[in-house]
Amino acid sequence: MKIVTWNCFKNFSESFKEIIKEDADIYVIPECEDPSISESEEFKDFASNYFWVGDNPNKGLGIFARSDVKMELVDLDDNGLRYFIPVRINDDFNILCVWTNPNVKNQVIEYPNEITRYYEQHKDSGFFNDEMIICGDFNCDVRLKNKTHGRNVYRMIDNLSDVGLVDTYHYLNDEEQGQESQATFFWLWKLDNPFHLDHVFAAPERVKKFEIGDAKKWIQLSDHMPIIFEIDA
């Protein structure tokens, strides 16, 4: 099964035409609009199997899948945390879609804490396990200019390791947090301002192929690069 996660920087009803060239089974898309407000029939056809959450209909979090992929929304209360979509795929495995966007003033500190809080609230629900996938825009990079943020990133990683999950990019590339040779985000759309904000968490051997999109191509559409990966499912 092929999965793509990509913060599309809004206007997904237009830019989806590029990302679907990846021919994935599932797309996890932060910052996309609610498909129900779109007037594009082509986009509505693409978005025939989806879930979406958000406070702003023009900028939320969505998961889109092929028509033959069974998606079931799991009943987990977010308790005001923004934004998460917990989904059961094909009665086989769970996927947690993530766009951390805390409704507080000091977002830099709180970004990783949103994921930690969500995990702590639901770790006994059975949803979190070593067969699941967590992916999206975490807004987490230990290089951000706040030491507290960095400590909170490591705390988040430690919590997810309790259920056997690792940061897939770092595991496959044998790189440390903050020492990434490939970026997923370019601050102010400048290629000399790289960060690694988008992540995939899975069991160590769960992901078989992993790729970050070419910045020279995708920077034309978003300041985030897509992550394209495959799992056995």
Protein backbone atom coordinates (compact mmCIF):
# COMPACT_ATOMS: atom_id res chain seq x y z
CA MET A 1 0.00 0.00 0.00
CA LYS A 2 1.29 3.42 -1.00
CA ILE A 3 0.69 6.42 1.26
CA VAL A 4 1.49 10.09 0.74
CA THR A 5 1.48 12.82 3.36
CA TRP A 6 1.81 16.41 2.17
CA ASN A 7 1.05 19.78 3.68
CA CYS A 8 -0.40 21.34 0.54
CA PHE A 9 -0.42 24.98 1.71
CA LYS A 10 -4.14 25.40 0.94
CA ASN A 11 -5.85 25.28 -2.47
CA PHE A 12 -5.75 21.49 -2.54
CA SER A 13 -8.67 21.42 -4.97
CA GLU A 14 -6.12 22.64 -7.53
CA SER A 15 -2.81 21.13 -6.40
CA PHE A 16 -4.28 17.63 -5.95
CA LYS A 17 -3.81 17.20 -9.69
CA GLU A 18 -0.06 17.04 -9.11
CA ILE A 19 0.04 14.84 -6.03
CA ILE A 20 -2.27 12.19 -7.49
CA LYS A 21 0.41 11.53 -10.10
CA GLU A 22 2.07 9.55 -7.26
CA ASP A 23 -0.80 7.06 -7.69
CA ALA A 24 -1.12 6.39 -3.96
CA ASP A 25 -3.81 4.48 -2.10
CA ILE A 26 -4.05 7.04 0.72
CA TYR A 27 -3.25 10.76 0.94
CA VAL A 28 -2.92 12.55 4.29
CA ILE A 29 -3.16 16.28 3.56
CA PRO A 30 -2.71 19.03 6.16
CA GLU A 31 -3.91 22.56 5.29
CA CYS A 32 -6.47 21.38 2.74
CA GLU A 33 -9.98 22.74 2.32
CA ASP A 34 -13.15 20.85 3.22
CA PRO A 35 -14.14 19.01 0.01
CA SER A 36 -17.82 19.71 0.74
CA ILE A 37 -17.31 23.41 -0.11
CA SER A 38 -15.54 22.78 -3.41
CA GLU A 39 -17.24 23.58 -6.70
CA SER A 40 -14.79 21.43 -8.68
CA GLU A 41 -16.43 18.22 -9.88
CA GLU A 42 -12.99 16.77 -10.65
CA PHE A 43 -11.88 17.37 -7.06
CA LYS A 44 -15.13 16.00 -5.64
CA ASP A 45 -14.62 12.85 -7.69
CA PHE A 46 -11.14 12.47 -6.20
CA ALA A 47 -12.51 13.19 -2.72
CA SER A 48 -15.28 10.60 -2.81
CA ASN A 49 -13.74 8.64 0.10
CA TYR A 50 -12.41 10.98 2.79
CA PHE A 51 -12.52 12.38 6.30
CA TRP A 52 -11.80 16.01 7.12
CA VAL A 53 -11.51 18.10 10.31
CA GLY A 54 -10.97 21.80 10.83
CA ASP A 55 -12.25 25.06 12.25
CA ASN A 56 -11.71 26.90 8.97
CA PRO A 57 -13.33 25.25 5.91
CA ASN A 58 -10.46 26.52 3.77
CA LYS A 59 -7.66 25.11 5.92
CA GLY A 60 -7.98 21.84 7.83
CA LEU A 61 -6.72 18.26 7.82
CA GLY A 62 -7.93 15.58 5.44
CA ILE A 63 -7.38 11.95 4.58
CA PHE A 64 -8.36 10.77 1.09
CA ALA A 65 -8.35 7.21 -0.22
CA ARG A 66 -9.14 5.17 -3.29
CA SER A 67 -12.72 3.99 -3.48
CA ASP A 68 -11.67 0.40 -2.80
CA VAL A 69 -9.93 1.33 0.48
CA LYS A 70 -12.20 0.87 3.48
CA MET A 71 -11.83 3.71 5.98
CA GLU A 72 -13.60 3.73 9.32
CA LEU A 73 -13.36 6.74 11.63
CA VAL A 74 -12.35 5.62 15.13
CA ASP A 75 -14.33 7.20 17.95
CA LEU A 76 -11.62 8.98 19.93
CA ASP A 77 -12.34 12.39 21.46
CA ASP A 78 -9.66 14.95 20.60
CA ASN A 79 -10.54 16.94 23.74
CA GLY A 80 -9.80 20.20 21.95
CA LEU A 81 -6.44 19.12 20.48
CA ARG A 82 -5.91 20.22 16.86
CA TYR A 83 -5.86 18.42 14.43
CA PHE A 84 -6.05 14.60 14.47
CA ILE A 85 -7.98 12.02 12.44
CA PRO A 86 -7.86 8.43 13.79
CA VAL A 87 -8.84 5.91 11.10
CA ARG A 88 -9.04 2.12 10.74
CA ILE A 89 -7.92 0.97 7.28
CA ASN A 90 -9.37 -2.16 5.64
CA ASP A 91 -10.08 -3.69 9.09
CA ASP A 92 -6.32 -4.23 9.15
CA PHE A 93 -4.36 -1.36 10.71
CA ASN A 94 -4.78 2.08 12.22
CA ILE A 95 -3.54 5.37 10.85
CA LEU A 96 -3.39 8.61 12.81
CA CYS A 97 -3.37 11.69 10.60
CA VAL A 98 -1.66 14.67 12.20
CA TRP A 99 -1.47 18.40 11.70
CA THR A 100 -0.39 19.86 15.02
CA ASN A 101 -1.86 23.34 15.31
CA PRO A 102 -2.35 24.20 18.99
CA ASN A 103 -4.77 26.98 19.81
CA VAL A 104 -2.30 28.76 22.11
CA LYS A 105 0.09 31.70 21.84
CA ASN A 106 3.36 29.77 22.25
CA GLN A 107 2.90 27.24 19.49
CA VAL A 108 6.60 26.41 19.15
CA ILE A 109 6.70 24.82 22.62
CA GLU A 110 3.30 23.17 22.32
CA TYR A 111 3.55 21.54 18.88
CA PRO A 112 5.07 18.23 20.09
CA ASN A 113 3.05 18.35 23.31
CA GLU A 114 -0.18 18.10 21.28
CA ILE A 115 0.89 14.67 20.05
CA THR A 116 2.08 13.60 23.50
CA ARG A 117 -1.25 14.64 25.02
CA TYR A 118 -3.22 12.80 22.35
CA TYR A 119 -1.14 9.68 22.95
CA GLU A 120 -1.48 9.86 26.72
CA GLN A 121 -5.25 10.32 26.49
CA HIS A 122 -5.74 7.31 24.20
CA LYS A 123 -2.82 4.96 24.87
CA ASP A 124 -5.12 2.53 26.71
CA SER A 125 -7.84 2.60 24.04
CA GLY A 126 -6.19 -0.07 21.88
CA PHE A 127 -5.78 2.37 19.00
CA PHE A 128 -2.05 2.82 19.53
CA ASN A 129 -0.02 -0.27 18.61
CA ASP A 130 3.06 -1.33 16.65
CA GLU A 131 1.08 -2.00 13.47
CA MET A 132 -0.20 1.56 13.15
CA ILE A 133 1.07 4.50 11.11
CA ILE A 134 1.24 8.10 12.33
CA CYS A 135 1.96 10.68 9.67
CA GLY A 136 1.49 14.30 8.74
CA ASP A 137 2.81 17.74 9.61
CA PHE A 138 4.05 17.50 13.19
CA ASN A 139 5.60 20.99 13.18
CA CYS A 140 8.43 19.36 15.15
CA ASP A 141 12.14 19.93 14.59
CA VAL A 142 14.67 20.12 17.42
CA ARG A 143 16.41 22.95 15.51
CA LEU A 144 13.56 25.36 16.16
CA LYS A 145 14.76 28.28 18.24
CA ASN A 146 13.50 27.06 21.58
CA LYS A 147 15.23 24.47 23.79
CA THR A 148 11.94 23.58 25.44
CA HIS A 149 10.52 22.64 22.04
CA GLY A 150 13.48 20.30 21.47
CA ARG A 151 12.98 18.60 24.83
CA ASN A 152 9.29 18.16 24.04
CA VAL A 153 10.14 16.58 20.69
CA TYR A 154 12.28 13.94 22.42
CA ARG A 155 9.55 13.38 24.99
CA MET A 156 7.07 12.75 22.16
CA ILE A 157 9.49 10.30 20.51
CA ASP A 158 10.00 8.45 23.79
CA ASN A 159 6.25 8.12 24.30
CA LEU A 160 5.67 6.68 20.84
CA SER A 161 8.56 4.27 21.31
CA ASP A 162 6.57 2.72 24.17
CA VAL A 163 4.28 1.15 21.55
CA GLY A 164 7.15 0.20 19.23
CA LEU A 165 7.07 3.18 16.85
CA VAL A 166 10.11 5.01 15.47
CA ASP A 167 10.59 8.08 13.31
CA THR A 168 10.89 6.28 9.97
CA TYR A 169 13.10 8.79 8.18
CA HIS A 170 15.68 8.79 10.96
CA TYR A 171 15.56 5.01 11.32
CA LEU A 172 16.04 4.31 7.62
CA ASN A 173 18.70 6.98 7.07
CA ASP A 174 20.52 6.50 10.37
CA GLU A 175 20.42 10.21 11.07
CA GLU A 176 19.91 12.06 14.36
CA GLN A 177 17.11 14.50 15.06
CA GLY A 178 18.23 17.92 13.87
CA GLN A 179 20.92 16.45 11.59
CA GLU A 180 18.70 15.56 8.64
CA SER A 181 20.29 15.64 5.21
CA GLN A 182 16.85 16.05 3.60
CA ALA A 183 14.31 18.70 4.53
CA THR A 184 10.53 18.51 4.39
CA PHE A 185 9.95 22.24 4.89
CA PHE A 186 11.58 25.44 3.71
CA TRP A 187 10.99 28.53 5.84
CA LEU A 188 9.77 31.52 3.79
CA TRP A 189 9.90 29.26 0.72
CA LYS A 190 13.70 29.57 0.61
CA LEU A 191 15.76 26.50 -0.16
CA ASP A 192 18.51 27.73 2.17
CA ASN A 193 16.11 27.63 5.18
CA PRO A 194 15.51 23.87 5.60
CA PHE A 195 13.68 22.13 8.43
CA HIS A 196 12.29 18.64 8.96
CA LEU A 197 8.73 19.18 10.23
CA ASP A 198 6.84 16.32 8.56
CA HIS A 199 7.18 12.81 9.91
CA VAL A 200 6.09 9.20 9.59
CA PHE A 201 6.10 7.02 12.69
CA ALA A 202 5.84 3.27 12.32
CA ALA A 203 7.38 0.04 13.57
CA PRO A 204 11.05 -0.27 12.50
CA GLU A 205 10.44 -2.70 9.62
CA ARG A 206 6.95 -1.50 8.67
CA VAL A 207 7.89 0.92 5.90
CA LYS A 208 9.43 -0.67 2.81
CA LYS A 209 10.03 2.39 0.64
CA PHE A 210 10.41 6.01 1.73
CA GLU A 211 10.95 9.14 -0.34
CA ILE A 212 10.82 12.90 0.20
CA GLY A 213 9.70 14.90 -2.82
CA ASP A 214 12.17 16.97 -4.84
CA ALA A 215 12.23 20.50 -3.44
CA LYS A 216 12.85 22.14 -6.80
CA LYS A 217 9.56 20.69 -8.03
CA TRP A 218 7.29 20.96 -5.01
CA ILE A 219 8.40 24.38 -3.74
CA GLN A 220 6.31 25.79 -6.60
CA LEU A 221 3.18 24.55 -4.81
CA SER A 222 3.98 24.44 -1.10
CA ASP A 223 6.69 25.20 1.43
CA HIS A 224 6.35 21.55 2.53
CA MET A 225 7.60 18.58 0.55
CA PRO A 226 5.51 15.40 0.23
CA ILE A 227 6.60 12.18 1.89
CA ILE A 228 5.83 9.10 -0.20
CA PHE A 229 6.11 5.69 1.43
CA GLU A 230 4.92 2.11 1.11
CA ILE A 231 3.90 -0.56 3.59
CA ASP A 232 2.82 -4.19 3.32
CA ALA A 233 -0.94 -4.17 3.72
